[in-house]
Amino acid sequence: MLKKTLFTLIMSVLLIGIVSGCTESSTNEEGKDSEKQTVNIGYFPNLTHSATIIALEKGYFKEEFGEDVTIKTKTVANGGLFMEAMATKAIDVGTTGPGPLLNFYVKNPEYHLISGAVNGGAVLVSGESSKISDLKDLDGKKVAIPVIGSTQDVMLRKALKDVGLKPTTNGGTVELFASAPADTAALFVQKTVDAAATQEPWGYVLENQANGKLLLNWDEFAWGKDSPNTVVAASQKFLDKKGLSTAYLKAHKKAVDFIQNNPEESQELVIKHLKDLTGKELSKEEVAAAFSRLEVTTNVNEDVIQEMADISKEAGYIPSADIKGMIDLSSLEEVSK
């Protein structure tokens, strides 16, 4: 009997601990206890996540969520890691590429695209000795991409398809080579790859530090100015919490508006934020060049997102291109009124 009572007591304590770990207790001005929610915001430490960075730097998330919400942030290196963190509830909402988002959605429809963030911001650059002057010259060449299944991977497949080429993994002649964008300049110098589909500021770096040649600028690559580079993704659990998605998107929209109206100050804040995170300081020239190759926006071209899903299915990344229900712009429409 004693053992059973002790077991029951231990399980009760554990359950209390689990529940209390989901929220934080706080006391309001009247001395009453209230539940304090935690929102975990995820993003990448790079320029195409400038809307999230500015919202953090300007305190927009704190303003919109209010004192009863604790904000925690998590940075990741790529979209696959972002979605894995969302699947394990380490991230509730944040910015990622549409490619990884739709890859996860098809397998588990618990993740949603709730706003645009950045269009463009990606370019196709060829190596100095590659003798590539147009897209058709990629026949038989090796092209670097950030990650298999990434947004730039899908964009490259779209560009190749437009000129009748395919990757080797789909019976074609163009080899895709996964490599971290920061390592691509070294690959150019070593002549390991012939070209790269990459996001900024790495396109600028390849041109100016590795003698790369801009093959397709951001407004020409894949879907041009409608190419979604970064979107706001949220878990269904986050969306189910009344008011949180609206608060997030109000802050997000404030950040987008601020960047559009204050480009130079925004670039300075992004440089500062990334230096604080990584210890490395990007040059003003790199950042200005990168910002000239992207558009910070809340707009979403749903037809392009669907075509990305179709290409991902053709590539064998997902079993189905049915992403009906993934895009939920209801909260965005509410805050945009």
C-alpha atoms as a PDB file:
ATOM      1  CA  MET A   1       0.000   0.000   0.000  1.00  0.00           C
ATOM      2  CA  LEU A   2       2.830   2.358   0.901  1.00  0.00           C
ATOM      3  CA  LYS A   3       4.530   1.662  -2.445  1.00  0.00           C
ATOM      4  CA  LYS A   4       1.315   2.410  -4.332  1.00  0.00           C
ATOM      5  CA  THR A   5       0.774   5.667  -2.413  1.00  0.00           C
ATOM      6  CA  LEU A   6       4.373   6.743  -3.022  1.00  0.00           C
ATOM      7  CA  PHE A   7       4.064   5.937  -6.757  1.00  0.00           C
ATOM      8  CA  THR A   8       0.840   7.960  -6.959  1.00  0.00           C
ATOM      9  CA  LEU A   9       2.499  10.913  -5.198  1.00  0.00           C
ATOM     10  CA  ILE A  10       5.535  10.845  -7.531  1.00  0.00           C
ATOM     11  CA  MET A  11       3.337  10.696 -10.655  1.00  0.00           C
ATOM     12  CA  SER A  12       1.270  13.625  -9.373  1.00  0.00           C
ATOM     13  CA  VAL A  13       4.401  15.715  -8.859  1.00  0.00           C
ATOM     14  CA  LEU A  14       5.680  14.820 -12.340  1.00  0.00           C
ATOM     15  CA  LEU A  15       2.377  15.746 -13.947  1.00  0.00           C
ATOM     16  CA  ILE A  16       2.315  19.073 -12.131  1.00  0.00           C
ATOM     17  CA  GLY A  17       5.854  19.733 -13.361  1.00  0.00           C
ATOM     18  CA  ILE A  18       4.934  18.942 -16.966  1.00  0.00           C
ATOM     19  CA  VAL A  19       1.909  21.214 -16.896  1.00  0.00           C
ATOM     20  CA  SER A  20       3.759  24.072 -15.205  1.00  0.00           C
ATOM     21  CA  GLY A  21       6.517  23.755 -17.807  1.00  0.00           C
ATOM     22  CA  CYS A  22       4.065  24.800 -20.536  1.00  0.00           C
ATOM     23  CA  THR A  23       3.255  28.147 -18.892  1.00  0.00           C
ATOM     24  CA  GLU A  24       4.821  30.538 -16.459  1.00  0.00           C
ATOM     25  CA  SER A  25       3.050  31.845 -13.384  1.00  0.00           C
ATOM     26  CA  SER A  26       2.926  35.608 -12.960  1.00  0.00           C
ATOM     27  CA  THR A  27       1.149  38.017 -10.670  1.00  0.00           C
ATOM     28  CA  ASN A  28      -0.867  40.930 -12.015  1.00  0.00           C
ATOM     29  CA  GLU A  29      -1.228  44.378 -10.425  1.00  0.00           C
ATOM     30  CA  GLU A  30      -4.094  43.176  -8.222  1.00  0.00           C
ATOM     31  CA  GLY A  31      -1.919  40.391  -6.799  1.00  0.00           C
ATOM     32  CA  LYS A  32      -3.815  37.610  -8.585  1.00  0.00           C
ATOM     33  CA  ASP A  33      -1.962  34.727 -10.203  1.00  0.00           C
ATOM     34  CA  SER A  34      -2.249  34.453 -13.987  1.00  0.00           C
ATOM     35  CA  GLU A  35      -0.923  32.054 -16.583  1.00  0.00           C
ATOM     36  CA  LYS A  36       1.948  33.417 -18.661  1.00  0.00           C
ATOM     37  CA  GLN A  37       2.279  31.868 -22.113  1.00  0.00           C
ATOM     38  CA  THR A  38       5.551  31.326 -23.965  1.00  0.00           C
ATOM     39  CA  VAL A  39       5.924  31.882 -27.708  1.00  0.00           C
ATOM     40  CA  ASN A  40       8.970  30.320 -29.365  1.00  0.00           C
ATOM     41  CA  ILE A  41       9.986  32.296 -32.460  1.00  0.00           C
ATOM     42  CA  GLY A  42      12.368  30.732 -34.972  1.00  0.00           C
ATOM     43  CA  TYR A  43      14.410  32.235 -37.803  1.00  0.00           C
ATOM     44  CA  PHE A  44      17.723  31.975 -39.656  1.00  0.00           C
ATOM     45  CA  PRO A  45      20.625  34.331 -38.900  1.00  0.00           C
ATOM     46  CA  ASN A  46      20.711  35.789 -42.401  1.00  0.00           C
ATOM     47  CA  LEU A  47      19.441  38.716 -44.439  1.00  0.00           C
ATOM     48  CA  THR A  48      16.379  37.045 -45.889  1.00  0.00           C
ATOM     49  CA  HIS A  49      14.967  36.865 -42.356  1.00  0.00           C
ATOM     50  CA  SER A  50      15.227  40.616 -41.887  1.00  0.00           C
ATOM     51  CA  ALA A  51      11.532  41.025 -41.012  1.00  0.00           C
ATOM     52  CA  THR A  52      11.908  38.797 -37.956  1.00  0.00           C
ATOM     53  CA  ILE A  53      15.192  40.471 -37.028  1.00  0.00           C
ATOM     54  CA  ILE A  54      13.697  43.968 -37.231  1.00  0.00           C
ATOM     55  CA  ALA A  55      10.605  42.935 -35.245  1.00  0.00           C
ATOM     56  CA  LEU A  56      12.944  41.711 -32.496  1.00  0.00           C
ATOM     57  CA  GLU A  57      15.260  44.717 -32.623  1.00  0.00           C
ATOM     58  CA  LYS A  58      12.419  47.256 -32.601  1.00  0.00           C
ATOM     59  CA  GLY A  59      10.504  45.443 -29.873  1.00  0.00           C
ATOM     60  CA  TYR A  60       7.433  44.914 -32.047  1.00  0.00           C
ATOM     61  CA  PHE A  61       6.812  41.373 -30.785  1.00  0.00           C
ATOM     62  CA  LYS A  62       6.916  42.564 -27.167  1.00  0.00           C
ATOM     63  CA  GLU A  63       4.515  45.395 -27.999  1.00  0.00           C
ATOM     64  CA  GLU A  64       1.963  43.143 -29.667  1.00  0.00           C
ATOM     65  CA  PHE A  65       2.141  40.075 -27.418  1.00  0.00           C
ATOM     66  CA  GLY A  66       2.065  42.110 -24.221  1.00  0.00           C
ATOM     67  CA  GLU A  67       3.368  41.404 -20.742  1.00  0.00           C
ATOM     68  CA  ASP A  68       1.521  38.096 -20.321  1.00  0.00           C
ATOM     69  CA  VAL A  69       3.573  36.417 -23.054  1.00  0.00           C
ATOM     70  CA  THR A  70       7.212  35.387 -22.731  1.00  0.00           C
ATOM     71  CA  ILE A  71       9.091  35.498 -26.032  1.00  0.00           C
ATOM     72  CA  LYS A  72      11.883  33.029 -26.688  1.00  0.00           C
ATOM     73  CA  THR A  73      13.912  32.845 -29.884  1.00  0.00           C
ATOM     74  CA  LYS A  74      15.718  30.033 -31.656  1.00  0.00           C
ATOM     75  CA  THR A  75      18.003  30.366 -34.682  1.00  0.00           C
ATOM     76  CA  VAL A  76      18.653  27.504 -37.093  1.00  0.00           C
ATOM     77  CA  ALA A  77      20.862  27.053 -40.142  1.00  0.00           C
ATOM     78  CA  ASN A  78      18.292  25.830 -42.663  1.00  0.00           C
ATOM     79  CA  GLY A  79      14.636  25.093 -43.308  1.00  0.00           C
ATOM     80  CA  GLY A  80      14.891  21.388 -42.550  1.00  0.00           C
ATOM     81  CA  LEU A  81      16.183  22.137 -39.056  1.00  0.00           C
ATOM     82  CA  PHE A  82      13.510  24.819 -38.628  1.00  0.00           C
ATOM     83  CA  MET A  83      10.710  22.386 -39.432  1.00  0.00           C
ATOM     84  CA  GLU A  84      12.212  19.661 -37.250  1.00  0.00           C
ATOM     85  CA  ALA A  85      12.275  22.163 -34.376  1.00  0.00           C
ATOM     86  CA  MET A  86       8.646  23.058 -35.082  1.00  0.00           C
ATOM     87  CA  ALA A  87       7.747  19.354 -35.102  1.00  0.00           C
ATOM     88  CA  THR A  88       9.290  18.966 -31.639  1.00  0.00           C
ATOM     89  CA  LYS A  89       7.572  22.169 -30.431  1.00  0.00           C
ATOM     90  CA  ALA A  90      10.880  24.023 -29.983  1.00  0.00           C
ATOM     91  CA  ILE A  91       9.521  26.575 -32.481  1.00  0.00           C
ATOM     92  CA  ASP A  92       5.886  27.755 -32.600  1.00  0.00           C
ATOM     93  CA  VAL A  93       6.099  30.378 -35.321  1.00  0.00           C
ATOM     94  CA  GLY A  94       8.740  32.135 -37.385  1.00  0.00           C
ATOM     95  CA  THR A  95      10.317  32.536 -40.800  1.00  0.00           C
ATOM     96  CA  THR A  96      11.543  29.751 -43.063  1.00  0.00           C
ATOM     97  CA  GLY A  97      11.652  28.806 -46.732  1.00  0.00           C
ATOM     98  CA  PRO A  98       8.421  27.595 -48.361  1.00  0.00           C
ATOM     99  CA  GLY A  99      10.155  24.454 -49.677  1.00  0.00           C
ATOM    100  CA  PRO A 100      10.829  22.805 -46.295  1.00  0.00           C
ATOM    101  CA  LEU A 101       7.426  23.930 -45.022  1.00  0.00           C
ATOM    102  CA  LEU A 102       5.471  22.200 -47.772  1.00  0.00           C
ATOM    103  CA  ASN A 103       7.717  19.116 -47.500  1.00  0.00           C
ATOM    104  CA  PHE A 104       6.658  18.714 -43.865  1.00  0.00           C
ATOM    105  CA  TYR A 105       3.034  19.711 -44.443  1.00  0.00           C
ATOM    106  CA  VAL A 106       2.420  16.913 -46.934  1.00  0.00           C
ATOM    107  CA  LYS A 107       3.584  14.388 -44.324  1.00  0.00           C
ATOM    108  CA  ASN A 108       1.775  16.056 -41.428  1.00  0.00           C
ATOM    109  CA  PRO A 109      -0.754  18.874 -42.065  1.00  0.00           C
ATOM    110  CA  GLU A 110      -0.040  20.590 -38.757  1.00  0.00           C
ATOM    111  CA  TYR A 111       2.025  23.451 -40.198  1.00  0.00           C
ATOM    112  CA  HIS A 112       0.775  26.493 -42.060  1.00  0.00           C
ATOM    113  CA  LEU A 113       1.984  29.380 -44.179  1.00  0.00           C
ATOM    114  CA  ILE A 114       0.373  32.493 -42.690  1.00  0.00           C
ATOM    115  CA  SER A 115       2.208  35.341 -44.463  1.00  0.00           C
ATOM    116  CA  GLY A 116       4.897  36.221 -46.923  1.00  0.00           C
ATOM    117  CA  ALA A 117       8.175  37.706 -45.662  1.00  0.00           C
ATOM    118  CA  VAL A 118      10.716  38.018 -48.481  1.00  0.00           C
ATOM    119  CA  ASN A 119      10.461  37.478 -52.219  1.00  0.00           C
ATOM    120  CA  GLY A 120      13.578  37.106 -54.351  1.00  0.00           C
ATOM    121  CA  GLY A 121      16.822  37.228 -52.429  1.00  0.00           C
ATOM    122  CA  ALA A 122      18.270  34.317 -54.409  1.00  0.00           C
ATOM    123  CA  VAL A 123      20.466  34.317 -57.527  1.00  0.00           C
ATOM    124  CA  LEU A 124      22.212  31.900 -59.854  1.00  0.00           C
ATOM    125  CA  VAL A 125      25.959  32.508 -60.188  1.00  0.00           C
ATOM    126  CA  SER A 126      28.453  30.710 -62.452  1.00  0.00           C
ATOM    127  CA  GLY A 127      32.138  30.119 -61.784  1.00  0.00           C
ATOM    128  CA  GLU A 128      34.828  32.076 -63.615  1.00  0.00           C
ATOM    129  CA  SER A 129      36.274  29.046 -65.461  1.00  0.00           C
ATOM    130  CA  SER A 130      32.984  27.209 -66.034  1.00  0.00           C
ATOM    131  CA  LYS A 131      32.335  28.732 -69.478  1.00  0.00           C
ATOM    132  CA  ILE A 132      28.651  29.087 -68.605  1.00  0.00           C
ATOM    133  CA  SER A 133      26.965  32.028 -70.302  1.00  0.00           C
ATOM    134  CA  ASP A 134      23.310  30.963 -70.144  1.00  0.00           C
ATOM    135  CA  LEU A 135      21.088  28.354 -68.509  1.00  0.00           C
ATOM    136  CA  LYS A 136      21.474  25.781 -71.269  1.00  0.00           C
ATOM    137  CA  ASP A 137      25.231  25.709 -70.581  1.00  0.00           C
ATOM    138  CA  LEU A 138      24.479  24.011 -67.234  1.00  0.00           C
ATOM    139  CA  ASP A 139      24.137  20.772 -69.188  1.00  0.00           C
ATOM    140  CA  GLY A 140      26.683  18.367 -67.687  1.00  0.00           C
ATOM    141  CA  LYS A 141      27.699  20.820 -64.939  1.00  0.00           C
ATOM    142  CA  LYS A 142      27.687  20.684 -61.129  1.00  0.00           C
ATOM    143  CA  VAL A 143      25.617  23.314 -59.290  1.00  0.00           C
ATOM    144  CA  ALA A 144      25.783  24.048 -55.572  1.00  0.00           C
ATOM    145  CA  ILE A 145      22.553  24.396 -53.568  1.00  0.00           C
ATOM    146  CA  PRO A 146      22.230  25.087 -49.815  1.00  0.00           C
ATOM    147  CA  VAL A 147      20.350  21.879 -48.887  1.00  0.00           C
ATOM    148  CA  ILE A 148      18.559  19.139 -50.794  1.00  0.00           C
ATOM    149  CA  GLY A 149      14.883  20.066 -50.875  1.00  0.00           C
ATOM    150  CA  SER A 150      15.592  23.711 -50.030  1.00  0.00           C
ATOM    151  CA  THR A 151      13.794  26.626 -51.658  1.00  0.00           C
ATOM    152  CA  GLN A 152      16.856  27.324 -53.841  1.00  0.00           C
ATOM    153  CA  ASP A 153      16.900  23.661 -54.897  1.00  0.00           C
ATOM    154  CA  VAL A 154      13.286  23.954 -56.080  1.00  0.00           C
ATOM    155  CA  MET A 155      13.985  27.297 -57.785  1.00  0.00           C
ATOM    156  CA  LEU A 156      16.912  25.770 -59.665  1.00  0.00           C
ATOM    157  CA  ARG A 157      14.757  22.848 -60.794  1.00  0.00           C
ATOM    158  CA  LYS A 158      12.180  25.347 -62.098  1.00  0.00           C
ATOM    159  CA  ALA A 159      14.878  27.260 -64.023  1.00  0.00           C
ATOM    160  CA  LEU A 160      16.310  24.041 -65.490  1.00  0.00           C
ATOM    161  CA  LYS A 161      12.855  22.824 -66.482  1.00  0.00           C
ATOM    162  CA  ASP A 162      12.254  26.052 -68.408  1.00  0.00           C
ATOM    163  CA  VAL A 163      15.187  25.247 -70.720  1.00  0.00           C
ATOM    164  CA  GLY A 164      14.591  21.507 -70.986  1.00  0.00           C
ATOM    165  CA  LEU A 165      17.208  20.341 -68.460  1.00  0.00           C
ATOM    166  CA  LYS A 166      16.862  18.060 -65.431  1.00  0.00           C
ATOM    167  CA  PRO A 167      19.027  17.093 -62.434  1.00  0.00           C
ATOM    168  CA  THR A 168      20.880  13.794 -62.566  1.00  0.00           C
ATOM    169  CA  THR A 169      18.661  12.462 -59.776  1.00  0.00           C
ATOM    170  CA  ASN A 170      15.726  12.664 -62.199  1.00  0.00           C
ATOM    171  CA  GLY A 171      17.486  11.230 -65.223  1.00  0.00           C
ATOM    172  CA  GLY A 172      19.002  14.514 -66.367  1.00  0.00           C
ATOM    173  CA  THR A 173      22.518  15.875 -66.777  1.00  0.00           C
ATOM    174  CA  VAL A 174      22.856  18.593 -64.112  1.00  0.00           C
ATOM    175  CA  GLU A 175      24.385  17.463 -60.818  1.00  0.00           C
ATOM    176  CA  LEU A 176      23.149  19.182 -57.654  1.00  0.00           C
ATOM    177  CA  PHE A 177      25.732  19.524 -54.890  1.00  0.00           C
ATOM    178  CA  ALA A 178      24.540  20.371 -51.376  1.00  0.00           C
ATOM    179  CA  SER A 179      26.834  22.774 -49.540  1.00  0.00           C
ATOM    180  CA  ALA A 180      26.460  25.466 -46.899  1.00  0.00           C
ATOM    181  CA  PRO A 181      26.273  28.881 -48.635  1.00  0.00           C
ATOM    182  CA  ALA A 182      29.230  30.165 -46.597  1.00  0.00           C
ATOM    183  CA  ASP A 183      31.412  27.422 -48.111  1.00  0.00           C
ATOM    184  CA  THR A 184      30.454  28.059 -51.731  1.00  0.00           C
ATOM    185  CA  ALA A 185      33.128  30.692 -52.399  1.00  0.00           C
ATOM    186  CA  ALA A 186      35.820  28.142 -51.538  1.00  0.00           C
ATOM    187  CA  LEU A 187      34.168  25.636 -53.872  1.00  0.00           C
ATOM    188  CA  PHE A 188      34.322  28.218 -56.676  1.00  0.00           C
ATOM    189  CA  VAL A 189      38.012  28.870 -56.070  1.00  0.00           C
ATOM    190  CA  GLN A 190      38.748  25.131 -55.925  1.00  0.00           C
ATOM    191  CA  LYS A 191      36.616  24.597 -59.067  1.00  0.00           C
ATOM    192  CA  THR A 192      34.630  21.918 -57.245  1.00  0.00           C
ATOM    193  CA  VAL A 193      31.353  23.296 -58.609  1.00  0.00           C
ATOM    194  CA  ASP A 194      30.534  25.167 -61.794  1.00  0.00           C
ATOM    195  CA  ALA A 195      27.702  27.334 -60.479  1.00  0.00           C
ATOM    196  CA  ALA A 196      25.572  27.999 -57.408  1.00  0.00           C
ATOM    197  CA  ALA A 197      21.922  28.689 -56.678  1.00  0.00           C
ATOM    198  CA  THR A 198      22.229  30.649 -53.469  1.00  0.00           C
ATOM    199  CA  GLN A 199      20.633  33.312 -51.317  1.00  0.00           C
ATOM    200  CA  GLU A 200      22.044  36.689 -50.447  1.00  0.00           C
ATOM    201  CA  PRO A 201      24.520  37.926 -49.390  1.00  0.00           C
ATOM    202  CA  TRP A 202      26.308  34.833 -50.725  1.00  0.00           C
ATOM    203  CA  GLY A 203      25.563  35.694 -54.353  1.00  0.00           C
ATOM    204  CA  TYR A 204      27.299  39.037 -53.846  1.00  0.00           C
ATOM    205  CA  VAL A 205      30.200  37.256 -52.105  1.00  0.00           C
ATOM    206  CA  LEU A 206      30.614  34.830 -55.005  1.00  0.00           C
ATOM    207  CA  GLU A 207      30.743  37.710 -57.480  1.00  0.00           C
ATOM    208  CA  ASN A 208      33.159  39.871 -55.523  1.00  0.00           C
ATOM    209  CA  GLN A 209      35.364  37.355 -53.724  1.00  0.00           C
ATOM    210  CA  ALA A 210      35.348  34.339 -56.055  1.00  0.00           C
ATOM    211  CA  ASN A 211      35.117  36.033 -59.479  1.00  0.00           C
ATOM    212  CA  GLY A 212      31.659  34.603 -60.072  1.00  0.00           C
ATOM    213  CA  LYS A 213      29.390  35.769 -62.880  1.00  0.00           C
ATOM    214  CA  LEU A 214      25.734  36.604 -62.261  1.00  0.00           C
ATOM    215  CA  LEU A 215      23.830  34.206 -64.496  1.00  0.00           C
ATOM    216  CA  LEU A 216      20.310  35.012 -63.274  1.00  0.00           C
ATOM    217  CA  ASN A 217      19.536  37.993 -61.061  1.00  0.00           C
ATOM    218  CA  TRP A 218      16.886  37.776 -58.347  1.00  0.00           C
ATOM    219  CA  ASP A 219      14.130  39.137 -60.590  1.00  0.00           C
ATOM    220  CA  GLU A 220      14.958  36.599 -63.337  1.00  0.00           C
ATOM    221  CA  PHE A 221      15.589  33.454 -61.320  1.00  0.00           C
ATOM    222  CA  ALA A 222      12.712  30.919 -61.279  1.00  0.00           C
ATOM    223  CA  TRP A 223       9.496  32.944 -60.733  1.00  0.00           C
ATOM    224  CA  GLY A 224      11.300  36.278 -60.614  1.00  0.00           C
ATOM    225  CA  LYS A 225       9.863  38.831 -58.200  1.00  0.00           C
ATOM    226  CA  ASP A 226       7.147  36.338 -57.234  1.00  0.00           C
ATOM    227  CA  SER A 227       9.721  33.791 -56.059  1.00  0.00           C
ATOM    228  CA  PRO A 228       9.010  33.270 -52.335  1.00  0.00           C
ATOM    229  CA  ASN A 229      12.288  33.072 -50.449  1.00  0.00           C
ATOM    230  CA  THR A 230      11.012  33.373 -46.885  1.00  0.00           C
ATOM    231  CA  VAL A 231       7.522  32.964 -45.438  1.00  0.00           C
ATOM    232  CA  VAL A 232       5.967  32.977 -41.984  1.00  0.00           C
ATOM    233  CA  ALA A 233       5.197  29.444 -40.800  1.00  0.00           C
ATOM    234  CA  ALA A 234       3.152  28.518 -37.739  1.00  0.00           C
ATOM    235  CA  SER A 235       2.113  25.286 -36.062  1.00  0.00           C
ATOM    236  CA  GLN A 236      -1.574  24.439 -35.764  1.00  0.00           C
ATOM    237  CA  LYS A 237      -1.182  24.467 -31.983  1.00  0.00           C
ATOM    238  CA  PHE A 238       0.036  28.080 -32.143  1.00  0.00           C
ATOM    239  CA  LEU A 239      -2.851  29.087 -34.421  1.00  0.00           C
ATOM    240  CA  ASP A 240      -5.332  27.499 -32.028  1.00  0.00           C
ATOM    241  CA  LYS A 241      -4.270  29.870 -29.250  1.00  0.00           C
ATOM    242  CA  LYS A 242      -6.634  32.791 -29.660  1.00  0.00           C
ATOM    243  CA  GLY A 243      -5.003  36.092 -30.551  1.00  0.00           C
ATOM    244  CA  LEU A 244      -1.401  34.908 -30.808  1.00  0.00           C
ATOM    245  CA  SER A 245      -1.242  34.661 -34.591  1.00  0.00           C
ATOM    246  CA  THR A 246      -2.844  38.089 -34.923  1.00  0.00           C
ATOM    247  CA  ALA A 247      -0.323  39.585 -32.491  1.00  0.00           C
ATOM    248  CA  TYR A 248       2.594  37.973 -34.325  1.00  0.00           C
ATOM    249  CA  LEU A 249       1.419  39.215 -37.710  1.00  0.00           C
ATOM    250  CA  LYS A 250       0.816  42.736 -36.435  1.00  0.00           C
ATOM    251  CA  ALA A 251       4.453  42.815 -35.317  1.00  0.00           C
ATOM    252  CA  HIS A 252       5.571  41.193 -38.572  1.00  0.00           C
ATOM    253  CA  LYS A 253       3.670  43.755 -40.662  1.00  0.00           C
ATOM    254  CA  LYS A 254       5.158  46.600 -38.597  1.00  0.00           C
ATOM    255  CA  ALA A 255       8.618  45.233 -39.355  1.00  0.00           C
ATOM    256  CA  VAL A 256       7.880  44.896 -43.079  1.00  0.00           C
ATOM    257  CA  ASP A 257       6.584  48.476 -43.203  1.00  0.00           C
ATOM    258  CA  PHE A 258       9.602  49.744 -41.262  1.00  0.00           C
ATOM    259  CA  ILE A 259      12.063  48.055 -43.648  1.00  0.00           C
ATOM    260  CA  GLN A 260      10.255  49.414 -46.692  1.00  0.00           C
ATOM    261  CA  ASN A 261      10.251  52.959 -45.299  1.00  0.00           C
ATOM    262  CA  ASN A 262      13.663  52.934 -43.564  1.00  0.00           C
ATOM    263  CA  PRO A 263      16.018  50.763 -45.649  1.00  0.00           C
ATOM    264  CA  GLU A 264      19.314  52.187 -44.387  1.00  0.00           C
ATOM    265  CA  GLU A 265      18.394  52.047 -40.687  1.00  0.00           C
ATOM    266  CA  SER A 266      17.016  48.540 -41.214  1.00  0.00           C
ATOM    267  CA  GLN A 267      20.285  47.384 -42.756  1.00  0.00           C
ATOM    268  CA  GLU A 268      22.248  48.805 -39.818  1.00  0.00           C
ATOM    269  CA  LEU A 269      19.996  46.996 -37.340  1.00  0.00           C
ATOM    270  CA  VAL A 270      20.342  43.718 -39.245  1.00  0.00           C
ATOM    271  CA  ILE A 271      24.146  44.052 -39.300  1.00  0.00           C
ATOM    272  CA  LYS A 272      24.150  44.671 -35.535  1.00  0.00           C
ATOM    273  CA  HIS A 273      21.790  41.779 -34.826  1.00  0.00           C
ATOM    274  CA  LEU A 274      23.774  39.281 -36.895  1.00  0.00           C
ATOM    275  CA  LYS A 275      27.042  40.406 -35.309  1.00  0.00           C
ATOM    276  CA  ASP A 276      25.530  39.896 -31.846  1.00  0.00           C
ATOM    277  CA  LEU A 277      24.420  36.392 -32.881  1.00  0.00           C
ATOM    278  CA  THR A 278      27.434  35.181 -34.828  1.00  0.00           C
ATOM    279  CA  GLY A 279      30.309  37.441 -33.813  1.00  0.00           C
ATOM    280  CA  LYS A 280      30.835  38.271 -37.483  1.00  0.00           C
ATOM    281  CA  GLU A 281      30.074  41.650 -39.019  1.00  0.00           C
ATOM    282  CA  LEU A 282      28.812  41.895 -42.579  1.00  0.00           C
ATOM    283  CA  SER A 283      29.994  44.888 -44.578  1.00  0.00           C
ATOM    284  CA  LYS A 284      27.535  47.654 -45.389  1.00  0.00           C
ATOM    285  CA  GLU A 285      28.262  47.086 -49.082  1.00  0.00           C
ATOM    286  CA  GLU A 286      27.315  43.388 -48.869  1.00  0.00           C
ATOM    287  CA  VAL A 287      24.112  44.120 -47.016  1.00  0.00           C
ATOM    288  CA  ALA A 288      23.085  47.009 -49.281  1.00  0.00           C
ATOM    289  CA  ALA A 289      23.693  44.849 -52.357  1.00  0.00           C
ATOM    290  CA  ALA A 290      21.703  41.996 -50.858  1.00  0.00           C
ATOM    291  CA  PHE A 291      18.761  44.242 -49.955  1.00  0.00           C
ATOM    292  CA  SER A 292      18.687  45.526 -53.540  1.00  0.00           C
ATOM    293  CA  ARG A 293      18.039  41.923 -54.655  1.00  0.00           C
ATOM    294  CA  LEU A 294      15.024  41.156 -52.517  1.00  0.00           C
ATOM    295  CA  GLU A 295      11.606  42.464 -51.657  1.00  0.00           C
ATOM    296  CA  VAL A 296      10.355  42.445 -48.072  1.00  0.00           C
ATOM    297  CA  THR A 297       6.617  41.811 -48.274  1.00  0.00           C
ATOM    298  CA  THR A 298       3.645  40.070 -46.699  1.00  0.00           C
ATOM    299  CA  ASN A 299       2.334  39.070 -50.148  1.00  0.00           C
ATOM    300  CA  VAL A 300       2.017  35.404 -51.096  1.00  0.00           C
ATOM    301  CA  ASN A 301       1.565  34.080 -54.633  1.00  0.00           C
ATOM    302  CA  GLU A 302      -0.386  30.896 -53.974  1.00  0.00           C
ATOM    303  CA  ASP A 303       0.016  29.651 -57.553  1.00  0.00           C
ATOM    304  CA  VAL A 304       3.809  29.749 -57.189  1.00  0.00           C
ATOM    305  CA  ILE A 305       3.637  27.845 -53.893  1.00  0.00           C
ATOM    306  CA  GLN A 306       1.557  25.154 -55.602  1.00  0.00           C
ATOM    307  CA  GLU A 307       4.039  24.919 -58.475  1.00  0.00           C
ATOM    308  CA  MET A 308       6.826  24.513 -55.929  1.00  0.00           C
ATOM    309  CA  ALA A 309       4.908  21.579 -54.474  1.00  0.00           C
ATOM    310  CA  ASP A 310       4.506  20.080 -57.948  1.00  0.00           C
ATOM    311  CA  ILE A 311       8.271  20.359 -58.565  1.00  0.00           C
ATOM    312  CA  SER A 312       9.045  18.846 -55.153  1.00  0.00           C
ATOM    313  CA  LYS A 313       6.824  15.877 -55.989  1.00  0.00           C
ATOM    314  CA  GLU A 314       8.568  15.453 -59.369  1.00  0.00           C
ATOM    315  CA  ALA A 315      11.894  15.489 -57.519  1.00  0.00           C
ATOM    316  CA  GLY A 316      10.695  12.721 -55.216  1.00  0.00           C
ATOM    317  CA  TYR A 317      10.881  14.872 -52.082  1.00  0.00           C
ATOM    318  CA  ILE A 318       7.196  14.475 -51.245  1.00  0.00           C
ATOM    319  CA  PRO A 319       4.662  11.724 -52.030  1.00  0.00           C
ATOM    320  CA  SER A 320       1.913  14.174 -52.999  1.00  0.00           C
ATOM    321  CA  ALA A 321       1.590  17.764 -54.226  1.00  0.00           C
ATOM    322  CA  ASP A 322      -1.713  18.226 -52.412  1.00  0.00           C
ATOM    323  CA  ILE A 323      -1.093  21.206 -50.124  1.00  0.00           C
ATOM    324  CA  LYS A 324      -4.715  22.274 -49.796  1.00  0.00           C
ATOM    325  CA  GLY A 325      -5.131  23.875 -46.375  1.00  0.00           C
ATOM    326  CA  MET A 326      -1.449  24.696 -45.891  1.00  0.00           C
ATOM    327  CA  ILE A 327      -1.855  28.371 -46.725  1.00  0.00           C
ATOM    328  CA  ASP A 328      -3.963  30.195 -44.129  1.00  0.00           C
ATOM    329  CA  LEU A 329      -3.981  33.958 -44.659  1.00  0.00           C
ATOM    330  CA  SER A 330      -7.028  34.673 -42.482  1.00  0.00           C
ATOM    331  CA  SER A 331      -5.053  36.315 -39.668  1.00  0.00           C
ATOM    332  CA  LEU A 332      -3.014  38.342 -42.167  1.00  0.00           C
ATOM    333  CA  GLU A 333      -6.202  39.574 -43.825  1.00  0.00           C
ATOM    334  CA  GLU A 334      -7.506  40.565 -40.384  1.00  0.00           C
ATOM    335  CA  VAL A 335      -4.457  42.681 -39.485  1.00  0.00           C
ATOM    336  CA  SER A 336      -4.275  44.196 -42.986  1.00  0.00           C
ATOM    337  CA  LYS A 337      -7.755  45.729 -42.830  1.00  0.00           C
END
